[in-house]
Amino acid sequence: VSGNDLDKRKCLSRIFTECRAVVNG
């Protein structure tokens, strides 16, 4: 919500590599 772009990209990458994203809708 409030981080810088680089940290957001790293966070999203970690979420996807750790299989913590689910498709809905």
PDB file of all heavy atoms in Angstrom:
ATOM      1  N   VAL A   1       0.813  -1.206   0.000  1.00  0.00           N
ATOM      2  CA  VAL A   1       0.000   0.000   0.000  1.00  0.00           C
ATOM      3  C   VAL A   1       0.852   1.264   0.000  1.00  0.00           C
ATOM      4  O   VAL A   1       0.523   2.238  -0.665  1.00  0.00           O
ATOM      5  CB  VAL A   1      -0.963   0.000   1.219  1.00  0.00           C
ATOM      6  CG1 VAL A   1      -1.659   1.328   1.372  1.00  0.00           C
ATOM      7  CG2 VAL A   1      -1.980  -1.122   1.085  1.00  0.00           C
ATOM      8  N   SER A   2       1.982   1.233   0.700  1.00  0.00           N
ATOM      9  CA  SER A   2       2.727   2.487   0.862  1.00  0.00           C
ATOM     10  C   SER A   2       4.229   2.382   0.599  1.00  0.00           C
ATOM     11  O   SER A   2       4.939   3.363   0.786  1.00  0.00           O
ATOM     12  CB  SER A   2       2.497   3.045   2.268  1.00  0.00           C
ATOM     13  OG  SER A   2       2.975   2.133   3.238  1.00  0.00           O
ATOM     14  N   GLY A   3       4.707   1.237   0.157  1.00  0.00           N
ATOM     15  CA  GLY A   3       6.137   1.080  -0.078  1.00  0.00           C
ATOM     16  C   GLY A   3       6.589   1.659  -1.406  1.00  0.00           C
ATOM     17  O   GLY A   3       5.782   2.134  -2.204  1.00  0.00           O
ATOM     18  N   ASN A   4       7.904   1.613  -1.640  1.00  0.00           N
ATOM     19  CA  ASN A   4       8.430   2.082  -2.920  1.00  0.00           C
ATOM     20  C   ASN A   4       8.293   0.980  -3.969  1.00  0.00           C
ATOM     21  O   ASN A   4       8.056  -0.183  -3.647  1.00  0.00           O
ATOM     22  CB  ASN A   4       9.881   2.567  -2.780  1.00  0.00           C
ATOM     23  CG  ASN A   4      10.842   1.445  -2.449  1.00  0.00           C
ATOM     24  OD1 ASN A   4      10.915   0.445  -3.156  1.00  0.00           O
ATOM     25  ND2 ASN A   4      11.591   1.602  -1.371  1.00  0.00           N
ATOM     26  N   ASP A   5       8.419   1.352  -5.233  1.00  0.00           N
ATOM     27  CA  ASP A   5       8.161   0.412  -6.330  1.00  0.00           C
ATOM     28  C   ASP A   5       9.058  -0.818  -6.292  1.00  0.00           C
ATOM     29  O   ASP A   5       8.601  -1.931  -6.539  1.00  0.00           O
ATOM     30  CB  ASP A   5       8.291   1.111  -7.681  1.00  0.00           C
ATOM     31  CG  ASP A   5       7.134   2.058  -7.951  1.00  0.00           C
ATOM     32  OD1 ASP A   5       6.095   1.950  -7.273  1.00  0.00           O
ATOM     33  OD2 ASP A   5       7.266   2.902  -8.849  1.00  0.00           O
ATOM     34  N   LEU A   6      10.337  -0.652  -5.989  1.00  0.00           N
ATOM     35  CA  LEU A   6      11.256  -1.796  -5.961  1.00  0.00           C
ATOM     36  C   LEU A   6      10.841  -2.788  -4.880  1.00  0.00           C
ATOM     37  O   LEU A   6      10.779  -3.994  -5.128  1.00  0.00           O
ATOM     38  CB  LEU A   6      12.691  -1.321  -5.736  1.00  0.00           C
ATOM     39  CG  LEU A   6      13.740  -2.429  -5.626  1.00  0.00           C
ATOM     40  CD1 LEU A   6      13.775  -3.267  -6.912  1.00  0.00           C
ATOM     41  CD2 LEU A   6      15.107  -1.834  -5.327  1.00  0.00           C
ATOM     42  N   ASP A   7      10.531  -2.284  -3.692  1.00  0.00           N
ATOM     43  CA  ASP A   7      10.112  -3.173  -2.608  1.00  0.00           C
ATOM     44  C   ASP A   7       8.781  -3.857  -2.926  1.00  0.00           C
ATOM     45  O   ASP A   7       8.579  -5.016  -2.587  1.00  0.00           O
ATOM     46  CB  ASP A   7      10.000  -2.402  -1.294  1.00  0.00           C
ATOM     47  CG  ASP A   7      11.365  -2.029  -0.722  1.00  0.00           C
ATOM     48  OD1 ASP A   7      12.374  -2.655  -1.123  1.00  0.00           O
ATOM     49  OD2 ASP A   7      11.411  -1.106   0.117  1.00  0.00           O
ATOM     50  N   LYS A   8       7.868  -3.149  -3.610  1.00  0.00           N
ATOM     51  CA  LYS A   8       6.605  -3.756  -4.015  1.00  0.00           C
ATOM     52  C   LYS A   8       6.838  -4.906  -4.987  1.00  0.00           C
ATOM     53  O   LYS A   8       6.230  -5.965  -4.869  1.00  0.00           O
ATOM     54  CB  LYS A   8       5.690  -2.716  -4.666  1.00  0.00           C
ATOM     55  CG  LYS A   8       5.116  -1.710  -3.698  1.00  0.00           C
ATOM     56  CD  LYS A   8       4.272  -0.693  -4.451  1.00  0.00           C
ATOM     57  CE  LYS A   8       3.769   0.395  -3.534  1.00  0.00           C
ATOM     58  NZ  LYS A   8       2.935   1.377  -4.241  1.00  0.00           N
ATOM     59  N   ARG A   9       7.736  -4.696  -5.965  1.00  0.00           N
ATOM     60  CA  ARG A   9       8.028  -5.764  -6.929  1.00  0.00           C
ATOM     61  C   ARG A   9       8.634  -6.976  -6.234  1.00  0.00           C
ATOM     62  O   ARG A   9       8.263  -8.117  -6.521  1.00  0.00           O
ATOM     63  CB  ARG A   9       8.962  -5.248  -8.026  1.00  0.00           C
ATOM     64  CG  ARG A   9       8.271  -4.373  -9.036  1.00  0.00           C
ATOM     65  CD  ARG A   9       9.124  -4.131 -10.256  1.00  0.00           C
ATOM     66  NE  ARG A   9      10.396  -3.491  -9.971  1.00  0.00           N
ATOM     67  CZ  ARG A   9      10.603  -2.177  -9.968  1.00  0.00           C
ATOM     68  NH1 ARG A   9       9.611  -1.347 -10.230  1.00  0.00           N
ATOM     69  NH2 ARG A   9      11.795  -1.688  -9.712  1.00  0.00           N
ATOM     70  N   LYS A  10       9.548  -6.742  -5.312  1.00  0.00           N
ATOM     71  CA  LYS A  10      10.166  -7.852  -4.574  1.00  0.00           C
ATOM     72  C   LYS A  10       9.120  -8.605  -3.752  1.00  0.00           C
ATOM     73  O   LYS A  10       9.119  -9.830  -3.700  1.00  0.00           O
ATOM     74  CB  LYS A  10      11.274  -7.329  -3.668  1.00  0.00           C
ATOM     75  CG  LYS A  10      12.506  -6.892  -4.398  1.00  0.00           C
ATOM     76  CD  LYS A  10      13.548  -6.358  -3.428  1.00  0.00           C
ATOM     77  CE  LYS A  10      14.794  -5.887  -4.130  1.00  0.00           C
ATOM     78  NZ  LYS A  10      15.785  -5.334  -3.178  1.00  0.00           N
ATOM     79  N   CYS A  11       8.225  -7.854  -3.135  1.00  0.00           N
ATOM     80  CA  CYS A  11       7.176  -8.466  -2.318  1.00  0.00           C
ATOM     81  C   CYS A  11       6.253  -9.319  -3.181  1.00  0.00           C
ATOM     82  O   CYS A  11       5.954 -10.470  -2.836  1.00  0.00           O
ATOM     83  CB  CYS A  11       6.396  -7.376  -1.591  1.00  0.00           C
ATOM     84  SG  CYS A  11       5.096  -7.987  -0.508  1.00  0.00           S
ATOM     85  N   LEU A  12       5.800  -8.768  -4.310  1.00  0.00           N
ATOM     86  CA  LEU A  12       4.925  -9.539  -5.204  1.00  0.00           C
ATOM     87  C   LEU A  12       5.625 -10.777  -5.745  1.00  0.00           C
ATOM     88  O   LEU A  12       5.027 -11.848  -5.836  1.00  0.00           O
ATOM     89  CB  LEU A  12       4.435  -8.662  -6.351  1.00  0.00           C
ATOM     90  CG  LEU A  12       3.365  -7.642  -5.983  1.00  0.00           C
ATOM     91  CD1 LEU A  12       3.116  -6.698  -7.143  1.00  0.00           C
ATOM     92  CD2 LEU A  12       2.088  -8.331  -5.551  1.00  0.00           C
ATOM     93  N   SER A  13       6.891 -10.646  -6.074  1.00  0.00           N
ATOM     94  CA  SER A  13       7.647 -11.797  -6.556  1.00  0.00           C
ATOM     95  C   SER A  13       7.687 -12.894  -5.496  1.00  0.00           C
ATOM     96  O   SER A  13       7.479 -14.070  -5.787  1.00  0.00           O
ATOM     97  CB  SER A  13       9.059 -11.357  -6.942  1.00  0.00           C
ATOM     98  OG  SER A  13       9.804 -12.448  -7.398  1.00  0.00           O
ATOM     99  N   ARG A  14       7.921 -12.497  -4.248  1.00  0.00           N
ATOM    100  CA  ARG A  14       7.963 -13.468  -3.150  1.00  0.00           C
ATOM    101  C   ARG A  14       6.589 -14.129  -2.963  1.00  0.00           C
ATOM    102  O   ARG A  14       6.496 -15.344  -2.779  1.00  0.00           O
ATOM    103  CB  ARG A  14       8.413 -12.762  -1.862  1.00  0.00           C
ATOM    104  CG  ARG A  14       8.630 -13.702  -0.702  1.00  0.00           C
ATOM    105  CD  ARG A  14       9.250 -13.019   0.525  1.00  0.00           C
ATOM    106  NE  ARG A  14       8.480 -11.869   0.983  1.00  0.00           N
ATOM    107  CZ  ARG A  14       8.830 -10.587   0.813  1.00  0.00           C
ATOM    108  NH1 ARG A  14       9.948 -10.272   0.197  1.00  0.00           N
ATOM    109  NH2 ARG A  14       8.071  -9.616   1.274  1.00  0.00           N
ATOM    110  N   ILE A  15       5.511 -13.349  -3.056  1.00  0.00           N
ATOM    111  CA  ILE A  15       4.167 -13.897  -2.898  1.00  0.00           C
ATOM    112  C   ILE A  15       3.892 -14.950  -3.970  1.00  0.00           C
ATOM    113  O   ILE A  15       3.381 -16.029  -3.685  1.00  0.00           O
ATOM    114  CB  ILE A  15       3.121 -12.760  -2.942  1.00  0.00           C
ATOM    115  CG1 ILE A  15       3.232 -11.906  -1.678  1.00  0.00           C
ATOM    116  CG2 ILE A  15       1.712 -13.314  -3.110  1.00  0.00           C
ATOM    117  CD1 ILE A  15       2.527 -10.571  -1.765  1.00  0.00           C
ATOM    118  N   PHE A  16       4.274 -14.648  -5.218  1.00  0.00           N
ATOM    119  CA  PHE A  16       4.043 -15.606  -6.301  1.00  0.00           C
ATOM    120  C   PHE A  16       4.958 -16.825  -6.190  1.00  0.00           C
ATOM    121  O   PHE A  16       4.518 -17.949  -6.437  1.00  0.00           O
ATOM    122  CB  PHE A  16       4.205 -14.935  -7.665  1.00  0.00           C
ATOM    123  CG  PHE A  16       2.985 -14.183  -8.102  1.00  0.00           C
ATOM    124  CD1 PHE A  16       2.930 -12.809  -8.006  1.00  0.00           C
ATOM    125  CD2 PHE A  16       1.883 -14.855  -8.600  1.00  0.00           C
ATOM    126  CE1 PHE A  16       1.805 -12.107  -8.399  1.00  0.00           C
ATOM    127  CE2 PHE A  16       0.743 -14.173  -9.001  1.00  0.00           C
ATOM    128  CZ  PHE A  16       0.710 -12.790  -8.896  1.00  0.00           C
ATOM    129  N   THR A  17       6.219 -16.649  -5.839  1.00  0.00           N
ATOM    130  CA  THR A  17       7.116 -17.811  -5.744  1.00  0.00           C
ATOM    131  C   THR A  17       6.771 -18.686  -4.550  1.00  0.00           C
ATOM    132  O   THR A  17       7.056 -19.879  -4.552  1.00  0.00           O
ATOM    133  CB  THR A  17       8.603 -17.398  -5.684  1.00  0.00           C
ATOM    134  OG1 THR A  17       8.825 -16.529  -4.587  1.00  0.00           O
ATOM    135  CG2 THR A  17       9.045 -16.744  -6.967  1.00  0.00           C
ATOM    136  N   GLU A  18       6.126 -18.100  -3.535  1.00  0.00           N
ATOM    137  CA  GLU A  18       5.700 -18.875  -2.371  1.00  0.00           C
ATOM    138  C   GLU A  18       4.270 -19.401  -2.531  1.00  0.00           C
ATOM    139  O   GLU A  18       3.685 -19.908  -1.576  1.00  0.00           O
ATOM    140  CB  GLU A  18       5.823 -18.024  -1.101  1.00  0.00           C
ATOM    141  CG  GLU A  18       7.263 -17.709  -0.747  1.00  0.00           C
ATOM    142  CD  GLU A  18       7.404 -16.784   0.447  1.00  0.00           C
ATOM    143  OE1 GLU A  18       6.373 -16.344   1.026  1.00  0.00           O
ATOM    144  OE2 GLU A  18       8.553 -16.479   0.798  1.00  0.00           O
ATOM    145  N   CYS A  19       3.711 -19.279  -3.724  1.00  0.00           N
ATOM    146  CA  CYS A  19       2.378 -19.812  -4.050  1.00  0.00           C
ATOM    147  C   CYS A  19       1.284 -19.264  -3.134  1.00  0.00           C
ATOM    148  O   CYS A  19       0.405 -19.998  -2.685  1.00  0.00           O
ATOM    149  CB  CYS A  19       2.382 -21.340  -4.013  1.00  0.00           C
ATOM    150  SG  CYS A  19       3.616 -22.070  -5.074  1.00  0.00           S
ATOM    151  N   ARG A  20       1.313 -17.956  -2.897  1.00  0.00           N
ATOM    152  CA  ARG A  20       0.315 -17.334  -2.032  1.00  0.00           C
ATOM    153  C   ARG A  20      -0.626 -16.421  -2.814  1.00  0.00           C
ATOM    154  O   ARG A  20      -1.143 -15.445  -2.296  1.00  0.00           O
ATOM    155  CB  ARG A  20       1.009 -16.553  -0.910  1.00  0.00           C
ATOM    156  CG  ARG A  20       1.799 -17.477   0.017  1.00  0.00           C
ATOM    157  CD  ARG A  20       2.341 -16.768   1.232  1.00  0.00           C
ATOM    158  NE  ARG A  20       3.456 -15.896   0.882  1.00  0.00           N
ATOM    159  CZ  ARG A  20       3.595 -14.644   1.340  1.00  0.00           C
ATOM    160  NH1 ARG A  20       2.705 -14.100   2.129  1.00  0.00           N
ATOM    161  NH2 ARG A  20       4.646 -13.932   0.997  1.00  0.00           N
ATOM    162  N   ALA A  21      -0.852 -16.745  -4.098  1.00  0.00           N
ATOM    163  CA  ALA A  21      -1.793 -16.001  -4.940  1.00  0.00           C
ATOM    164  C   ALA A  21      -2.815 -16.989  -5.501  1.00  0.00           C
ATOM    165  O   ALA A  21      -2.448 -18.042  -6.011  1.00  0.00           O
ATOM    166  CB  ALA A  21      -1.048 -15.309  -6.068  1.00  0.00           C
ATOM    167  N   VAL A  22      -4.089 -16.639  -5.398  1.00  0.00           N
ATOM    168  CA  VAL A  22      -5.164 -17.507  -5.870  1.00  0.00           C
ATOM    169  C   VAL A  22      -6.023 -16.731  -6.863  1.00  0.00           C
ATOM    170  O   VAL A  22      -6.395 -15.583  -6.618  1.00  0.00           O
ATOM    171  CB  VAL A  22      -6.042 -18.000  -4.686  1.00  0.00           C
ATOM    172  CG1 VAL A  22      -7.203 -18.840  -5.183  1.00  0.00           C
ATOM    173  CG2 VAL A  22      -5.201 -18.780  -3.692  1.00  0.00           C
ATOM    174  N   VAL A  23      -6.331 -17.382  -7.981  1.00  0.00           N
ATOM    175  CA  VAL A  23      -7.186 -16.775  -9.001  1.00  0.00           C
ATOM    176  C   VAL A  23      -8.631 -16.831  -8.529  1.00  0.00           C
ATOM    177  O   VAL A  23      -9.094 -17.857  -8.050  1.00  0.00           O
ATOM    178  CB  VAL A  23      -7.054 -17.536 -10.339  1.00  0.00           C
ATOM    179  CG1 VAL A  23      -8.012 -16.966 -11.374  1.00  0.00           C
ATOM    180  CG2 VAL A  23      -5.629 -17.493 -10.848  1.00  0.00           C
ATOM    181  N   ASN A  24      -9.334 -15.689  -8.653  1.00  0.00           N
ATOM    182  CA  ASN A  24     -10.772 -15.692  -8.371  1.00  0.00           C
ATOM    183  C   ASN A  24     -11.436 -14.607  -9.212  1.00  0.00           C
ATOM    184  O   ASN A  24     -10.986 -13.487  -9.270  1.00  0.00           O
ATOM    185  CB  ASN A  24     -11.081 -15.509  -6.887  1.00  0.00           C
ATOM    186  CG  ASN A  24     -10.446 -14.273  -6.302  1.00  0.00           C
ATOM    187  OD1 ASN A  24      -9.782 -13.521  -6.981  1.00  0.00           O
ATOM    188  ND2 ASN A  24     -10.643 -14.060  -5.025  1.00  0.00           N
ATOM    189  N   GLY A  25     -12.470 -14.991  -9.891  1.00  0.00           N
ATOM    190  CA  GLY A  25     -13.191 -14.039 -10.723  1.00  0.00           C
ATOM    191  C   GLY A  25     -12.534 -13.811 -12.068  1.00  0.00           C
ATOM    192  O   GLY A  25     -11.553 -14.451 -12.433  1.00  0.00           O
TER     193      GLY A  25
END
